[in-house]
């Protein structure tokens, strides 16, 4: 087994040096194991890779990706921002709060971190910069808020973990609610602290000055209300809230329909993904009328490309995992770790450190497909619930989206902010520290993840 691991590590190192895509690296590593082991026909690769992709739950992935693309292009994201702005825009750090809360809501529609950063950050980063936020801070905040995408249900990474671990995807969705809210609250706190200290919005003019009322609204105020200037401001703010709520009502209904159907036992996650696509098309094309046929073709192309990449990962990683399982590598690793320590806390800390390091260098989907089969045999004998472990894995890898050197969310956000990737490092430590604290709470307080699934099971 030691020789086999050395071969696998060498294959990965060579592939890394040659900049070979991770999907092909997994194929090469799998073939290396196959050749070393002997007795396994080459047709096993075809059978395993295609068999892994031929899964009904995995059909939810391309549909949720497509729904997220439609909603980010078709005006739904913009209306969510307007609605949240009417709620918290005038508070300390209000612009940052809008970014975090809107990302939270959009994550409950798209299920993707990158899509959340692109859709919400594309609008909010220029807006934050306009109102006094430094570009590096705006990019860092948006990237970290996008990390909610893989945690807030419906989540693409939860679907993949559920398939790999044989765990109910519905239970994972429910389990992700409280951890996702915890991460959002911690981000809101660090944003508030920064704004109190740095006074980013000190010269910020109240959002009421930007409110555009219709002629009818103005006539109502002039004819029926004779009050002081400040009272007129209050009237306009109230009308702006109801106006933004009315505009955003279809966008706000999306997560209710999707998640309500799943939790109510009406539809499966895959069926809910199809409903999300149909609903987003109806709202974007028919109601909002902001999605043209040309844009729609581009949306389908982007969604197809992303889905194809993920499904290639699924097939190649499954082949690699099966080859390691045939040689009992996961069992050997579990026994090796158990020989070092039997303390559950230490083992979970080691796994967290390992996953954080993996998340820094490897794409989230590939990491789940590759390491979940290796780690589950280690944690299950310790009494760790596989649903709880799924949340731990996904939160760790979500943090990888915002950590150097290959944090995808940071790359997207820095590109939107038109700054170098390195400039976001200035605010990395404070944001990463609060998210790391949330991760430790999620790891060592299982009820944060299991309370809602157990409650609904009863």
Protein backbone atom coordinates (compact mmCIF):
# COMPACT_ATOMS: atom_id res chain seq x y z
CA UNK A 1 0.00 0.00 0.00
CA UNK A 2 2.91 2.35 0.72
CA UNK A 3 4.29 1.85 -2.79
CA UNK A 4 0.84 2.49 -4.27
CA UNK A 5 0.46 5.76 -2.39
CA UNK A 6 3.90 6.89 -3.53
CA UNK A 7 2.90 6.18 -7.14
CA UNK A 8 -0.35 8.13 -6.77
CA UNK A 9 1.41 11.10 -5.13
CA UNK A 10 4.06 11.15 -7.88
CA UNK A 11 1.37 11.14 -10.57
CA UNK A 12 -0.37 14.08 -8.89
CA UNK A 13 2.88 16.03 -8.48
CA UNK A 14 3.88 15.53 -12.12
CA UNK A 15 0.39 16.54 -13.27
CA UNK A 16 0.53 19.64 -11.06
CA UNK A 17 3.90 20.65 -12.51
CA UNK A 18 2.63 20.11 -16.07
CA UNK A 19 -0.59 22.03 -15.28
CA UNK A 20 -2.77 19.11 -16.35
CA UNK A 21 -6.50 19.55 -15.49
CA UNK A 22 -7.48 17.71 -12.33
CA UNK A 23 -10.07 15.55 -14.14
CA UNK A 24 -7.38 14.06 -16.40
CA UNK A 25 -5.00 13.78 -13.47
CA UNK A 26 -7.54 11.54 -11.74
CA UNK A 27 -7.72 9.35 -14.85
CA UNK A 28 -3.93 9.02 -15.01
CA UNK A 29 -3.72 8.25 -11.29
CA UNK A 30 -6.50 5.68 -11.62
CA UNK A 31 -4.73 3.97 -14.50
CA UNK A 32 -1.50 3.95 -12.48
CA UNK A 33 -3.32 2.11 -9.68
CA UNK A 34 -4.95 -0.22 -12.23
CA UNK A 35 -1.62 -1.13 -13.81
CA UNK A 36 0.10 -1.55 -10.44
CA UNK A 37 -2.66 -3.78 -9.08
CA UNK A 38 -3.13 -5.93 -12.17
CA UNK A 39 -6.09 -8.19 -12.80
CA UNK A 40 -8.52 -5.33 -13.54
CA UNK A 41 -9.55 -4.87 -17.21
CA UNK A 42 -9.34 -1.46 -18.87
CA UNK A 43 -13.09 -1.62 -19.53
CA UNK A 44 -13.54 -1.07 -15.79
CA UNK A 45 -12.75 2.62 -16.40
CA UNK A 46 -15.63 2.98 -18.88
CA UNK A 47 -18.07 1.03 -16.72
CA UNK A 48 -17.23 2.99 -13.56
CA UNK A 49 -17.09 6.48 -15.02
CA UNK A 50 -20.30 6.17 -17.03
CA UNK A 51 -22.06 4.31 -14.24
CA UNK A 52 -21.26 7.07 -11.75
CA UNK A 53 -22.69 9.72 -14.08
CA UNK A 54 -25.85 7.72 -14.75
CA UNK A 55 -27.60 8.89 -11.58
CA UNK A 56 -31.03 10.49 -11.18
CA UNK A 57 -30.01 12.69 -8.19
CA UNK A 58 -27.07 14.06 -10.19
CA UNK A 59 -29.51 15.42 -12.79
CA UNK A 60 -30.29 18.15 -10.28
CA UNK A 61 -26.83 19.67 -10.83
CA UNK A 62 -27.20 20.89 -14.45
CA UNK A 63 -30.73 22.13 -13.74
CA UNK A 64 -29.73 24.15 -10.66
CA UNK A 65 -26.75 25.57 -12.57
CA UNK A 66 -29.06 26.57 -15.41
CA UNK A 67 -31.58 28.11 -13.00
CA UNK A 68 -28.83 30.16 -11.36
CA UNK A 69 -27.58 31.42 -14.73
CA UNK A 70 -31.10 32.42 -15.79
CA UNK A 71 -31.80 34.24 -12.52
CA UNK A 72 -28.51 36.16 -12.56
CA UNK A 73 -29.12 37.32 -16.14
CA UNK A 74 -32.89 37.79 -16.07
CA UNK A 75 -33.22 40.54 -13.47
CA UNK A 76 -34.01 38.42 -10.41
CA UNK A 77 -30.69 39.17 -8.66
CA UNK A 78 -31.09 42.91 -9.26
CA UNK A 79 -34.57 42.97 -7.68
CA UNK A 80 -33.39 41.01 -4.67
CA UNK A 81 -30.71 43.66 -4.10
CA UNK A 82 -33.25 46.48 -4.36
CA UNK A 83 -35.50 44.78 -1.81
CA UNK A 84 -32.74 44.14 0.75
CA UNK A 85 -31.47 47.70 0.24
CA UNK A 86 -34.87 49.05 1.28
CA UNK A 87 -34.59 47.04 4.53
CA UNK A 88 -31.03 47.63 5.75
CA UNK A 89 -29.50 50.24 3.46
CA UNK A 90 -29.53 53.02 6.05
CA UNK A 91 -27.90 51.00 8.86
CA UNK A 92 -24.21 51.13 9.79
CA UNK A 93 -22.39 49.10 7.17
CA UNK A 94 -25.67 48.88 5.27
CA UNK A 95 -24.15 48.48 1.80
CA UNK A 96 -22.06 45.54 2.99
CA UNK A 97 -25.09 44.09 4.72
CA UNK A 98 -27.01 44.25 1.45
CA UNK A 99 -24.27 42.21 -0.22
CA UNK A 100 -24.28 39.53 2.49
CA UNK A 101 -28.06 39.19 2.87
CA UNK A 102 -28.72 39.22 -0.88
CA UNK A 103 -26.01 36.60 -1.39
CA UNK A 104 -27.71 34.49 1.29
CA UNK A 105 -31.06 34.70 -0.52
CA UNK A 106 -29.55 34.15 -3.97
CA UNK A 107 -27.64 31.12 -2.66
CA UNK A 108 -31.01 29.59 -1.80
CA UNK A 109 -31.80 29.76 -5.51
CA UNK A 110 -28.57 29.02 -7.35
CA UNK A 111 -26.72 26.58 -5.03
CA UNK A 112 -23.37 27.79 -6.35
CA UNK A 113 -20.71 30.00 -4.81
CA UNK A 114 -19.25 31.21 -8.10
CA UNK A 115 -22.71 32.06 -9.47
CA UNK A 116 -23.53 34.00 -6.30
CA UNK A 117 -20.35 36.09 -6.51
CA UNK A 118 -20.83 36.77 -10.22
CA UNK A 119 -24.52 37.71 -9.90
CA UNK A 120 -24.52 39.69 -6.65
CA UNK A 121 -20.93 40.88 -6.67
CA UNK A 122 -21.26 42.09 -10.24
CA UNK A 123 -23.86 44.58 -9.03
CA UNK A 124 -22.77 45.28 -5.46
CA UNK A 125 -18.98 45.66 -5.77
CA UNK A 126 -19.20 48.79 -7.97
CA UNK A 127 -21.99 50.04 -5.68
CA UNK A 128 -19.86 49.57 -2.54
CA UNK A 129 -16.90 51.31 -4.14
CA UNK A 130 -19.14 54.22 -5.13
CA UNK A 131 -20.14 54.73 -1.49
CA UNK A 132 -16.72 54.73 0.09
CA UNK A 133 -15.67 51.09 0.42
CA UNK A 134 -12.09 50.30 -0.70
CA UNK A 135 -12.00 48.03 -3.72
CA UNK A 136 -10.08 45.26 -1.89
CA UNK A 137 -12.64 45.27 0.93
CA UNK A 138 -15.59 45.22 -1.47
CA UNK A 139 -14.09 42.29 -3.38
CA UNK A 140 -13.21 40.36 -0.20
CA UNK A 141 -16.65 40.85 1.31
CA UNK A 142 -18.42 39.78 -1.87
CA UNK A 143 -16.18 36.72 -2.25
CA UNK A 144 -16.82 35.63 1.35
CA UNK A 145 -20.56 36.23 0.99
CA UNK A 146 -20.43 34.02 -2.11
CA UNK A 147 -19.05 31.22 0.06
CA UNK A 148 -22.60 30.88 1.39
CA UNK A 149 -23.57 29.45 -2.01
CA UNK A 150 -22.38 25.88 -1.35
CA UNK A 151 -23.90 25.83 2.17
CA UNK A 152 -27.36 27.36 1.81
CA UNK A 153 -29.73 24.78 0.33
CA UNK A 154 -30.27 23.84 -2.42
CA UNK A 155 -26.53 23.20 -2.76
CA UNK A 156 -24.76 21.50 -5.64
CA UNK A 157 -21.99 20.21 -3.36
CA UNK A 158 -24.58 18.71 -1.00
CA UNK A 159 -26.02 16.78 -3.94
CA UNK A 160 -22.62 15.39 -4.86
CA UNK A 161 -21.76 14.52 -1.25
CA UNK A 162 -25.15 12.83 -0.80
CA UNK A 163 -24.58 10.66 -3.87
CA UNK A 164 -21.03 9.74 -2.85
CA UNK A 165 -21.88 9.06 0.81
CA UNK A 166 -25.27 7.44 0.26
CA UNK A 167 -26.92 10.08 2.46
CA UNK A 168 -30.34 11.69 1.97
CA UNK A 169 -29.89 14.89 -0.04
CA UNK A 170 -33.03 16.29 1.57
CA UNK A 171 -31.52 15.79 5.03
CA UNK A 172 -28.34 17.55 3.91
CA UNK A 173 -30.37 20.49 2.59
CA UNK A 174 -32.18 20.83 5.91
CA UNK A 175 -28.96 20.40 7.88
CA UNK A 176 -27.29 23.25 5.98
CA UNK A 177 -29.79 25.92 7.05
CA UNK A 178 -28.48 26.74 10.55
CA UNK A 179 -24.75 26.50 9.61
CA UNK A 180 -25.44 28.77 6.63
CA UNK A 181 -27.21 31.29 8.84
CA UNK A 182 -24.32 31.12 11.33
CA UNK A 183 -21.79 31.93 8.61
CA UNK A 184 -23.95 34.82 7.40
CA UNK A 185 -24.27 36.25 10.93
CA UNK A 186 -20.51 36.11 11.43
CA UNK A 187 -19.99 37.95 8.14
CA UNK A 188 -22.52 40.60 9.18
CA UNK A 189 -20.66 41.07 12.47
CA UNK A 190 -17.23 41.52 10.88
CA UNK A 191 -18.71 43.93 8.32
CA UNK A 192 -20.31 45.98 11.12
CA UNK A 193 -17.06 46.07 13.12
CA UNK A 194 -15.07 47.21 10.09
CA UNK A 195 -17.58 49.96 9.29
CA UNK A 196 -17.57 51.20 12.90
CA UNK A 197 -13.78 51.31 12.85
CA UNK A 198 -13.03 52.53 9.33
CA UNK A 199 -16.26 54.54 8.76
CA UNK A 200 -16.50 53.49 5.13
CA UNK A 201 -19.95 55.03 4.82
CA UNK A 202 -19.26 58.21 6.80
CA UNK A 203 -20.02 60.39 3.79
CA UNK A 204 -22.75 58.09 2.58
CA UNK A 205 -25.95 59.88 1.62
CA UNK A 206 -29.14 58.13 2.71
CA UNK A 207 -30.57 55.82 0.14
CA UNK A 208 -33.82 57.80 0.21
CA UNK A 209 -32.13 60.40 -2.00
CA UNK A 210 -31.79 57.76 -4.71
CA UNK A 211 -35.40 56.66 -4.58
CA UNK A 212 -37.25 57.37 -7.78
CA UNK A 213 -40.95 57.74 -7.18
CA UNK A 214 -43.54 57.80 -9.89
CA UNK A 215 -45.55 60.93 -10.67
CA UNK A 216 -48.56 59.32 -9.03
CA UNK A 217 -46.60 58.81 -5.79
CA UNK A 218 -45.55 62.44 -5.73
CA UNK A 219 -49.12 63.63 -6.38
CA UNK A 220 -50.43 61.54 -3.49
CA UNK A 221 -47.86 63.02 -1.12
CA UNK A 222 -48.48 66.60 -2.31
CA UNK A 223 -52.27 66.39 -2.24
CA UNK A 224 -52.82 64.44 0.93
CA UNK A 225 -49.85 65.08 3.18
CA UNK A 226 -48.75 68.42 4.61
CA UNK A 227 -45.88 67.60 6.91
CA UNK A 228 -42.31 68.64 7.68
CA UNK A 229 -39.53 67.66 5.29
CA UNK A 230 -38.31 64.80 7.51
CA UNK A 231 -41.78 63.27 7.58
CA UNK A 232 -41.97 63.36 3.80
CA UNK A 233 -38.69 61.46 3.77
CA UNK A 234 -40.25 58.78 5.96
CA UNK A 235 -43.25 58.48 3.65
CA UNK A 236 -41.02 58.07 0.62
CA UNK A 237 -38.88 55.44 2.38
CA UNK A 238 -41.96 53.43 3.33
CA UNK A 239 -43.31 53.57 -0.21
CA UNK A 240 -39.92 52.49 -1.55
CA UNK A 241 -39.99 49.41 0.67
CA UNK A 242 -43.40 48.32 -0.55
CA UNK A 243 -42.48 49.15 -4.11
CA UNK A 244 -39.27 47.08 -3.89
CA UNK A 245 -41.17 44.25 -2.21
CA UNK A 246 -43.71 44.26 -5.01
CA UNK A 247 -40.92 44.19 -7.62
CA UNK A 248 -39.06 41.39 -5.81
CA UNK A 249 -42.05 39.21 -4.93
CA UNK A 250 -41.42 36.73 -7.74
CA UNK A 251 -37.72 36.54 -6.89
CA UNK A 252 -38.52 35.95 -3.20
CA UNK A 253 -41.02 33.23 -4.10
CA UNK A 254 -38.32 31.19 -5.87
CA UNK A 255 -36.57 29.76 -2.77
CA UNK A 256 -39.94 29.23 -1.09
CA UNK A 257 -41.21 27.17 -4.01
CA UNK A 258 -37.96 25.22 -4.42
CA UNK A 259 -37.24 24.45 -0.78
CA UNK A 260 -40.89 24.19 0.23
CA UNK A 261 -41.46 21.51 -2.39
CA UNK A 262 -38.43 19.52 -1.19
CA UNK A 263 -39.08 19.81 2.55
CA UNK A 264 -42.79 19.24 2.10
CA UNK A 265 -42.10 15.91 0.41
CA UNK A 266 -43.87 17.08 -2.74
CA UNK A 267 -40.86 16.83 -5.06
CA UNK A 268 -37.37 15.36 -5.02
CA UNK A 269 -34.34 17.69 -5.26
CA UNK A 270 -34.01 16.77 -8.94
CA UNK A 271 -37.64 17.61 -9.66
CA UNK A 272 -37.26 20.84 -7.68
CA UNK A 273 -34.30 21.78 -9.89
CA UNK A 274 -36.46 21.36 -13.00
CA UNK A 275 -39.17 23.50 -11.40
CA UNK A 276 -36.53 26.15 -10.62
CA UNK A 277 -35.56 26.30 -14.30
CA UNK A 278 -39.14 26.59 -15.52
CA UNK A 279 -40.01 29.18 -12.88
CA UNK A 280 -36.91 31.30 -13.53
CA UNK A 281 -37.61 31.22 -17.29
CA UNK A 282 -41.21 32.26 -16.75
CA UNK A 283 -40.27 35.15 -14.45
CA UNK A 284 -37.28 36.38 -16.49
CA UNK A 285 -38.81 36.10 -19.97
CA UNK A 286 -42.54 36.65 -19.45
CA UNK A 287 -42.86 38.78 -16.28
CA UNK A 288 -39.65 40.83 -16.06
CA UNK A 289 -38.93 40.61 -19.82
CA UNK A 290 -35.19 41.08 -19.27
CA UNK A 291 -33.98 37.90 -20.94
CA UNK A 292 -33.76 37.97 -24.73
CA UNK A 293 -33.37 34.96 -27.03
CA UNK A 294 -29.73 35.89 -27.65
CA UNK A 295 -29.03 36.06 -23.92
CA UNK A 296 -30.91 32.80 -23.38
CA UNK A 297 -28.68 30.94 -25.81
CA UNK A 298 -25.61 32.30 -24.01
CA UNK A 299 -27.09 31.25 -20.66
CA UNK A 300 -27.62 27.70 -21.93
CA UNK A 301 -24.07 27.56 -23.27
CA UNK A 302 -22.54 28.70 -19.95
CA UNK A 303 -24.68 26.26 -17.97
CA UNK A 304 -23.81 23.40 -20.34
CA UNK A 305 -20.09 24.11 -20.05
CA UNK A 306 -20.16 24.21 -16.24
CA UNK A 307 -22.33 21.09 -16.01
CA UNK A 308 -20.11 19.18 -18.42
CA UNK A 309 -17.01 19.96 -16.39
CA UNK A 310 -18.66 18.77 -13.18
CA UNK A 311 -19.91 15.53 -14.73
CA UNK A 312 -16.43 14.77 -16.08
CA UNK A 313 -15.17 15.20 -12.51
CA UNK A 314 -17.84 12.80 -11.27
CA UNK A 315 -16.86 10.07 -13.73
CA UNK A 316 -13.07 10.30 -13.38
CA UNK A 317 -13.11 10.72 -9.59
CA UNK A 318 -15.43 7.73 -9.19
CA UNK A 319 -13.06 5.59 -11.23
CA UNK A 320 -10.08 6.73 -9.15
CA UNK A 321 -11.96 6.17 -5.90
CA UNK A 322 -13.04 2.68 -6.92
CA UNK A 323 -9.46 1.75 -7.80
CA UNK A 324 -8.25 2.90 -4.37
CA UNK A 325 -11.10 1.03 -2.69
CA UNK A 326 -10.17 -2.19 -4.50
CA UNK A 327 -6.71 -1.91 -2.96
CA UNK A 328 -8.23 -1.06 0.46
CA UNK A 329 -6.45 2.30 0.64
CA UNK A 330 -9.28 4.03 2.60
CA UNK A 331 -9.23 1.27 5.21
CA UNK A 332 -5.46 1.46 5.50
CA UNK A 333 -5.58 5.25 5.97
CA UNK A 334 -8.25 4.89 8.65
CA UNK A 335 -6.17 2.33 10.49
CA UNK A 336 -3.06 4.51 10.22
CA UNK A 337 -4.87 7.52 11.67
CA UNK A 338 -6.38 5.39 14.44
CA UNK A 339 -2.93 4.13 15.37
CA UNK A 340 -1.79 7.74 15.92
CA UNK A 341 -4.72 8.77 18.14
CA UNK A 342 -8.20 7.63 19.08
CA UNK A 343 -9.26 11.05 20.36
CA UNK A 344 -12.26 12.17 18.29
CA UNK A 345 -11.54 15.87 18.81
CA UNK A 346 -7.95 15.58 17.59
CA UNK A 347 -8.98 13.48 14.59
CA UNK A 348 -11.68 15.97 13.59
CA UNK A 349 -9.21 18.85 13.96
CA UNK A 350 -6.72 17.00 11.74
CA UNK A 351 -9.44 16.35 9.15
CA UNK A 352 -10.45 20.02 9.21
CA UNK A 353 -6.86 21.13 8.66
CA UNK A 354 -6.49 18.62 5.85
CA UNK A 355 -9.70 19.73 4.12
CA UNK A 356 -8.78 23.40 4.46
CA UNK A 357 -5.48 22.68 2.75
CA UNK A 358 -7.23 20.66 0.04
CA UNK A 359 -9.71 23.48 -0.51
CA UNK A 360 -6.86 25.92 -1.11
CA UNK A 361 -5.58 23.95 -4.09
CA UNK A 362 -8.41 21.80 -5.43
CA UNK A 363 -11.81 22.48 -6.96
CA UNK A 364 -14.68 21.78 -4.53
CA UNK A 365 -16.48 19.11 -6.55
CA UNK A 366 -13.28 17.21 -7.29
CA UNK A 367 -12.28 17.33 -3.60
CA UNK A 368 -15.60 15.85 -2.48
CA UNK A 369 -15.48 13.10 -5.07
CA UNK A 370 -11.89 12.25 -4.24
CA UNK A 371 -11.70 12.47 -0.45
CA UNK A 372 -15.17 11.67 0.91
CA UNK A 373 -14.72 7.92 0.18
CA UNK A 374 -11.39 8.11 2.01
CA UNK A 375 -12.57 10.05 5.06
CA UNK A 376 -15.97 8.48 5.75
CA UNK A 377 -14.48 5.14 6.91
CA UNK A 378 -12.42 7.15 9.41
CA UNK A 379 -15.19 9.22 11.01
CA UNK A 380 -18.13 6.79 11.05
CA UNK A 381 -16.49 4.43 13.62
CA UNK A 382 -16.00 7.53 15.79
CA UNK A 383 -19.75 8.05 15.93
CA UNK A 384 -19.82 11.08 13.61
CA UNK A 385 -23.15 11.32 11.80
CA UNK A 386 -22.59 11.24 8.01
CA UNK A 387 -25.02 14.15 7.55
CA UNK A 388 -23.08 16.22 10.09
CA UNK A 389 -19.82 15.21 8.44
CA UNK A 390 -21.21 16.32 5.09
CA UNK A 391 -21.79 19.81 6.47
CA UNK A 392 -18.24 19.86 7.90
CA UNK A 393 -16.74 18.81 4.56
CA UNK A 394 -18.76 21.32 2.55
CA UNK A 395 -18.04 24.24 4.90
CA UNK A 396 -14.32 23.46 4.80
CA UNK A 397 -14.30 23.39 1.01
CA UNK A 398 -16.48 26.51 0.83
CA UNK A 399 -13.74 28.31 2.79
CA UNK A 400 -11.35 27.08 0.12
CA UNK A 401 -13.23 29.27 -2.36
CA UNK A 402 -11.98 32.37 -0.51
CA UNK A 403 -8.46 31.29 0.45
CA UNK A 404 -5.27 31.90 -1.54
CA UNK A 405 -3.68 30.79 -3.76
CA UNK A 406 -6.55 29.45 -5.90
CA UNK A 407 -9.69 30.86 -4.26
CA UNK A 408 -12.18 30.94 -7.15
CA UNK A 409 -14.51 33.45 -5.47
CA UNK A 410 -11.62 35.84 -4.85
CA UNK A 411 -10.56 35.63 -8.50
CA UNK A 412 -14.10 36.43 -9.67
CA UNK A 413 -14.57 39.27 -7.18
CA UNK A 414 -11.16 40.86 -7.84
CA UNK A 415 -11.87 40.73 -11.57
CA UNK A 416 -15.18 42.54 -11.03
CA UNK A 417 -13.45 45.12 -8.81
CA UNK A 418 -10.70 45.51 -11.44
CA UNK A 419 -7.88 44.93 -8.94
CA UNK A 420 -5.11 42.35 -8.66
CA UNK A 421 -5.87 39.16 -6.78
CA UNK A 422 -3.13 39.93 -4.24
CA UNK A 423 -4.77 43.18 -3.09
CA UNK A 424 -7.61 41.22 -1.47
CA UNK A 425 -5.11 39.68 0.98
CA UNK A 426 -5.26 42.84 3.11
CA UNK A 427 -8.64 41.81 4.55
CA UNK A 428 -8.17 38.05 4.31
CA UNK A 429 -7.17 37.30 7.92
CA UNK A 430 -10.14 39.00 9.68
CA UNK A 431 -12.73 37.45 7.37
CA UNK A 432 -11.10 34.02 7.41
CA UNK A 433 -10.81 34.12 11.21
CA UNK A 434 -14.54 34.61 11.80
CA UNK A 435 -15.43 31.93 9.24
CA UNK A 436 -12.92 29.57 10.86
CA UNK A 437 -14.57 30.18 14.23
CA UNK A 438 -17.93 29.31 12.69
CA UNK A 439 -16.41 26.13 11.24
CA UNK A 440 -15.15 25.03 14.66
CA UNK A 441 -18.60 25.62 16.18
CA UNK A 442 -20.21 23.59 13.38
CA UNK A 443 -17.66 20.80 13.83
CA UNK A 444 -17.92 20.39 17.60
CA UNK A 445 -21.60 21.26 18.11
CA UNK A 446 -23.33 18.58 16.00
CA UNK A 447 -26.82 19.88 16.85
CA UNK A 448 -26.18 22.97 14.75
CA UNK A 449 -26.40 20.62 11.78
CA UNK A 450 -28.64 17.84 13.10
CA UNK A 451 -31.30 19.74 15.05
CA UNK A 452 -33.55 20.50 12.07
CA UNK A 453 -33.23 17.05 10.38
CA UNK A 454 -34.00 15.33 13.70
CA UNK A 455 -36.89 17.70 14.32
CA UNK A 456 -38.46 17.01 10.94
CA UNK A 457 -37.86 13.27 11.33
CA UNK A 458 -39.91 13.33 14.54
